[in-house]
Amino acid sequence: MSLSMGVTMARKIAVVVRDRQGEALRMAIGIILMDDEVDIYVLDRVVEPTEQNLLSLETIGIMEMKAWTNVRANDTMEYLSMEEIAGRLLLYDHVLHY
């Protein structure tokens, strides 16, 4: 069966969040408008409790997006070791690093 005539398949996109947390979280939410599967990985830092970050995390929950972290203090996300995260990142079509 051919996928022709403008039919596209959803891409799997991972957003890796480190330094620019607010920008990365907002961008991850925006990408879902393209009907792609977007997952978030917060690495090596606690998410700063700014008003924007808290709103983004709430939106991520409402939109049922998946979010993982290697920092146990990020209690709104599922904890994974760095090795587990590295293995998962290999499965994505695109990995965006912030």
N, C-alpha and C. Protein backbone atom coordinates (compact mmCIF):
# COMPACT_ATOMS: atom_id res chain seq x y z
N MET A 1 0.85 -1.18 0.00
CA MET A 1 0.00 0.00 0.00
C MET A 1 0.89 1.24 0.00
N SER A 2 0.61 2.15 -0.85
CA SER A 2 1.43 3.34 -1.01
C SER A 2 0.84 4.51 -0.23
N LEU A 3 1.71 5.31 0.35
CA LEU A 3 1.29 6.53 1.03
C LEU A 3 1.52 7.69 0.08
N SER A 4 0.58 7.94 -0.77
CA SER A 4 0.73 9.01 -1.74
C SER A 4 -0.39 10.01 -1.58
N MET A 5 -0.41 10.99 -2.46
CA MET A 5 -1.44 12.02 -2.49
C MET A 5 -1.51 12.83 -1.21
N GLY A 6 -0.37 13.22 -0.68
CA GLY A 6 -0.35 14.14 0.45
C GLY A 6 -0.58 13.53 1.81
N VAL A 7 -0.70 12.22 1.90
CA VAL A 7 -0.89 11.59 3.20
C VAL A 7 0.47 11.51 3.89
N THR A 8 0.55 12.08 5.09
CA THR A 8 1.80 12.04 5.83
C THR A 8 1.60 11.32 7.14
N MET A 9 2.65 10.72 7.63
CA MET A 9 2.60 10.03 8.90
C MET A 9 3.14 10.97 9.98
N ALA A 10 2.58 10.85 11.16
CA ALA A 10 3.05 11.67 12.28
C ALA A 10 4.50 11.31 12.60
N ARG A 11 5.28 12.32 12.88
CA ARG A 11 6.67 12.11 13.28
C ARG A 11 6.74 12.01 14.79
N LYS A 12 7.75 11.32 15.26
CA LYS A 12 8.03 11.26 16.70
C LYS A 12 9.13 12.27 16.99
N ILE A 13 8.83 13.21 17.89
CA ILE A 13 9.77 14.28 18.20
C ILE A 13 10.03 14.29 19.70
N ALA A 14 11.29 14.34 20.07
CA ALA A 14 11.69 14.48 21.47
C ALA A 14 12.23 15.89 21.68
N VAL A 15 11.77 16.54 22.74
CA VAL A 15 12.30 17.85 23.12
C VAL A 15 13.10 17.64 24.39
N VAL A 16 14.40 17.90 24.31
CA VAL A 16 15.30 17.74 25.46
C VAL A 16 15.50 19.11 26.09
N VAL A 17 15.12 19.23 27.34
CA VAL A 17 15.10 20.52 28.04
C VAL A 17 16.23 20.55 29.06
N ARG A 18 17.06 21.58 28.95
CA ARG A 18 18.09 21.83 29.96
C ARG A 18 18.09 23.31 30.34
N ASP A 19 18.69 24.14 29.51
CA ASP A 19 18.94 25.53 29.88
C ASP A 19 17.73 26.45 29.70
N ARG A 20 17.15 26.48 28.54
CA ARG A 20 16.07 27.42 28.23
C ARG A 20 14.72 26.76 28.48
N GLN A 21 14.42 26.53 29.74
CA GLN A 21 13.25 25.73 30.10
C GLN A 21 11.95 26.33 29.59
N GLY A 22 11.72 27.61 29.84
CA GLY A 22 10.47 28.22 29.42
C GLY A 22 10.26 28.14 27.93
N GLU A 23 11.29 28.46 27.18
CA GLU A 23 11.22 28.42 25.72
C GLU A 23 10.98 26.99 25.22
N ALA A 24 11.70 26.04 25.80
CA ALA A 24 11.58 24.65 25.37
C ALA A 24 10.19 24.08 25.65
N LEU A 25 9.65 24.36 26.82
CA LEU A 25 8.33 23.84 27.16
C LEU A 25 7.25 24.46 26.27
N ARG A 26 7.32 25.76 26.04
CA ARG A 26 6.35 26.42 25.15
C ARG A 26 6.44 25.88 23.73
N MET A 27 7.66 25.68 23.25
CA MET A 27 7.86 25.18 21.91
C MET A 27 7.33 23.75 21.78
N ALA A 28 7.55 22.92 22.78
CA ALA A 28 7.05 21.54 22.75
C ALA A 28 5.53 21.52 22.65
N ILE A 29 4.88 22.39 23.38
CA ILE A 29 3.41 22.47 23.32
C ILE A 29 2.98 22.92 21.93
N GLY A 30 3.67 23.89 21.37
CA GLY A 30 3.32 24.39 20.05
C GLY A 30 3.48 23.36 18.94
N ILE A 31 4.45 22.49 19.06
CA ILE A 31 4.70 21.49 18.02
C ILE A 31 3.54 20.51 17.89
N ILE A 32 2.82 20.25 18.98
CA ILE A 32 1.73 19.26 18.89
C ILE A 32 0.64 19.72 17.93
N LEU A 33 0.60 20.99 17.60
CA LEU A 33 -0.40 21.49 16.65
C LEU A 33 -0.20 20.89 15.25
N MET A 34 0.97 20.36 14.99
CA MET A 34 1.26 19.74 13.70
C MET A 34 0.86 18.26 13.68
N ASP A 35 0.20 17.78 14.73
CA ASP A 35 -0.24 16.39 14.86
C ASP A 35 0.90 15.39 14.93
N ASP A 36 2.06 15.84 15.37
CA ASP A 36 3.18 14.93 15.60
C ASP A 36 3.14 14.47 17.05
N GLU A 37 3.78 13.35 17.32
CA GLU A 37 3.91 12.87 18.70
C GLU A 37 5.12 13.57 19.32
N VAL A 38 4.89 14.32 20.39
CA VAL A 38 5.95 15.09 21.01
C VAL A 38 6.10 14.65 22.46
N ASP A 39 7.31 14.23 22.83
CA ASP A 39 7.63 13.85 24.19
C ASP A 39 8.70 14.78 24.73
N ILE A 40 8.70 14.97 26.04
CA ILE A 40 9.61 15.93 26.67
C ILE A 40 10.52 15.20 27.65
N TYR A 41 11.79 15.57 27.64
CA TYR A 41 12.79 15.03 28.56
C TYR A 41 13.49 16.21 29.23
N VAL A 42 13.29 16.37 30.53
CA VAL A 42 13.94 17.43 31.30
C VAL A 42 15.17 16.80 31.96
N LEU A 43 16.35 17.30 31.61
CA LEU A 43 17.59 16.68 32.06
C LEU A 43 18.38 17.58 33.00
N ASP A 44 18.91 16.96 34.04
CA ASP A 44 19.95 17.52 34.91
C ASP A 44 19.55 18.75 35.72
N ARG A 45 18.30 19.18 35.66
CA ARG A 45 17.87 20.38 36.40
C ARG A 45 16.44 20.23 36.87
N VAL A 46 16.14 20.89 37.96
CA VAL A 46 14.76 21.01 38.42
C VAL A 46 14.10 22.08 37.56
N VAL A 47 12.85 21.85 37.17
CA VAL A 47 12.14 22.87 36.41
C VAL A 47 11.91 24.06 37.33
N GLU A 48 12.37 25.23 36.89
CA GLU A 48 12.21 26.45 37.69
C GLU A 48 10.71 26.76 37.83
N PRO A 49 10.25 27.06 39.05
CA PRO A 49 8.82 27.27 39.27
C PRO A 49 8.33 28.66 38.88
N THR A 50 8.66 29.09 37.66
CA THR A 50 8.17 30.38 37.18
C THR A 50 6.70 30.21 36.79
N GLU A 51 6.00 31.33 36.69
CA GLU A 51 4.59 31.28 36.30
C GLU A 51 4.43 30.61 34.93
N GLN A 52 5.28 30.98 33.98
CA GLN A 52 5.21 30.40 32.64
C GLN A 52 5.49 28.91 32.65
N ASN A 53 6.52 28.47 33.38
CA ASN A 53 6.84 27.04 33.43
C ASN A 53 5.71 26.25 34.07
N LEU A 54 5.12 26.78 35.13
CA LEU A 54 4.02 26.08 35.80
C LEU A 54 2.82 25.97 34.87
N LEU A 55 2.52 27.03 34.13
CA LEU A 55 1.43 26.99 33.17
C LEU A 55 1.72 25.98 32.07
N SER A 56 2.96 25.95 31.59
CA SER A 56 3.34 24.99 30.55
C SER A 56 3.21 23.56 31.05
N LEU A 57 3.66 23.29 32.28
CA LEU A 57 3.55 21.94 32.83
C LEU A 57 2.09 21.53 32.99
N GLU A 58 1.25 22.47 33.39
CA GLU A 58 -0.18 22.19 33.50
C GLU A 58 -0.76 21.86 32.12
N THR A 59 -0.39 22.63 31.13
CA THR A 59 -0.87 22.40 29.76
C THR A 59 -0.40 21.05 29.23
N ILE A 60 0.84 20.72 29.52
CA ILE A 60 1.40 19.42 29.10
C ILE A 60 0.57 18.29 29.69
N GLY A 61 0.16 18.43 30.95
CA GLY A 61 -0.68 17.42 31.58
C GLY A 61 -2.06 17.35 30.94
N ILE A 62 -2.66 18.51 30.69
CA ILE A 62 -3.99 18.57 30.06
C ILE A 62 -3.95 17.94 28.67
N MET A 63 -2.90 18.20 27.93
CA MET A 63 -2.78 17.68 26.56
C MET A 63 -2.31 16.22 26.54
N GLU A 64 -2.09 15.65 27.71
CA GLU A 64 -1.66 14.26 27.86
C GLU A 64 -0.36 13.97 27.12
N MET A 65 0.53 14.95 27.15
CA MET A 65 1.86 14.75 26.59
C MET A 65 2.68 13.98 27.61
N LYS A 66 3.69 13.26 27.15
CA LYS A 66 4.54 12.49 28.04
C LYS A 66 5.78 13.30 28.38
N ALA A 67 6.15 13.28 29.67
CA ALA A 67 7.33 14.01 30.12
C ALA A 67 8.12 13.14 31.08
N TRP A 68 9.43 13.05 30.84
CA TRP A 68 10.32 12.28 31.69
C TRP A 68 11.46 13.17 32.16
N THR A 69 12.14 12.73 33.21
CA THR A 69 13.26 13.49 33.76
C THR A 69 14.26 12.53 34.41
N ASN A 70 15.50 12.99 34.51
CA ASN A 70 16.50 12.23 35.26
C ASN A 70 16.77 12.90 36.62
N VAL A 71 15.86 13.78 37.04
CA VAL A 71 15.97 14.47 38.33
C VAL A 71 14.72 14.13 39.14
N ARG A 72 14.91 13.43 40.22
CA ARG A 72 13.77 12.96 41.02
C ARG A 72 12.92 14.10 41.59
N ALA A 73 13.51 15.27 41.78
CA ALA A 73 12.77 16.41 42.34
C ALA A 73 11.71 16.95 41.38
N ASN A 74 11.77 16.61 40.10
CA ASN A 74 10.73 16.99 39.14
C ASN A 74 9.58 16.01 39.29
N ASP A 75 8.80 16.20 40.33
CA ASP A 75 7.82 15.18 40.73
C ASP A 75 6.57 15.11 39.85
N THR A 76 6.41 16.01 38.88
CA THR A 76 5.27 15.91 37.97
C THR A 76 5.62 15.09 36.73
N MET A 77 6.85 14.57 36.69
CA MET A 77 7.31 13.78 35.54
C MET A 77 7.80 12.43 36.01
N GLU A 78 7.78 11.48 35.10
CA GLU A 78 8.27 10.15 35.42
C GLU A 78 9.80 10.14 35.39
N TYR A 79 10.41 9.53 36.40
CA TYR A 79 11.87 9.46 36.49
C TYR A 79 12.39 8.31 35.61
N LEU A 80 13.45 8.60 34.86
CA LEU A 80 14.21 7.61 34.12
C LEU A 80 15.69 7.90 34.30
N SER A 81 16.50 6.86 34.31
CA SER A 81 17.94 7.07 34.39
C SER A 81 18.43 7.65 33.07
N MET A 82 19.61 8.22 33.09
CA MET A 82 20.19 8.79 31.87
C MET A 82 20.37 7.71 30.80
N GLU A 83 20.71 6.50 31.20
CA GLU A 83 20.89 5.40 30.26
C GLU A 83 19.55 5.06 29.59
N GLU A 84 18.47 5.04 30.37
CA GLU A 84 17.15 4.77 29.81
C GLU A 84 16.74 5.86 28.82
N ILE A 85 17.00 7.10 29.19
CA ILE A 85 16.65 8.22 28.31
C ILE A 85 17.46 8.14 27.02
N ALA A 86 18.75 7.86 27.12
CA ALA A 86 19.60 7.77 25.92
C ALA A 86 19.07 6.70 24.97
N GLY A 87 18.65 5.57 25.50
CA GLY A 87 18.10 4.51 24.67
C GLY A 87 16.81 4.93 23.99
N ARG A 88 15.96 5.66 24.70
CA ARG A 88 14.68 6.11 24.13
C ARG A 88 14.89 7.14 23.02
N LEU A 89 15.88 8.01 23.18
CA LEU A 89 16.10 9.07 22.19
C LEU A 89 16.45 8.51 20.81
N LEU A 90 16.97 7.31 20.76
CA LEU A 90 17.30 6.67 19.48
C LEU A 90 16.05 6.34 18.67
N LEU A 91 14.88 6.30 19.30
CA LEU A 91 13.64 5.89 18.64
C LEU A 91 12.88 7.05 17.99
N TYR A 92 13.39 8.27 18.11
CA TYR A 92 12.69 9.44 17.59
C TYR A 92 13.16 9.81 16.19
N ASP A 93 12.24 10.41 15.43
CA ASP A 93 12.60 10.94 14.12
C ASP A 93 13.44 12.20 14.25
N HIS A 94 13.10 13.03 15.26
CA HIS A 94 13.81 14.29 15.50
C HIS A 94 14.01 14.47 17.00
N VAL A 95 15.18 14.98 17.37
CA VAL A 95 15.47 15.32 18.77
C VAL A 95 15.88 16.78 18.79
N LEU A 96 15.10 17.60 19.50
CA LEU A 96 15.37 19.03 19.60
C LEU A 96 15.93 19.31 20.99
N HIS A 97 17.09 19.94 21.03
CA HIS A 97 17.78 20.18 22.29
C HIS A 97 17.72 21.66 22.67
N TYR A 98 17.28 21.94 23.88
CA TYR A 98 17.25 23.31 24.41
C TYR A 98 18.06 23.38 25.67
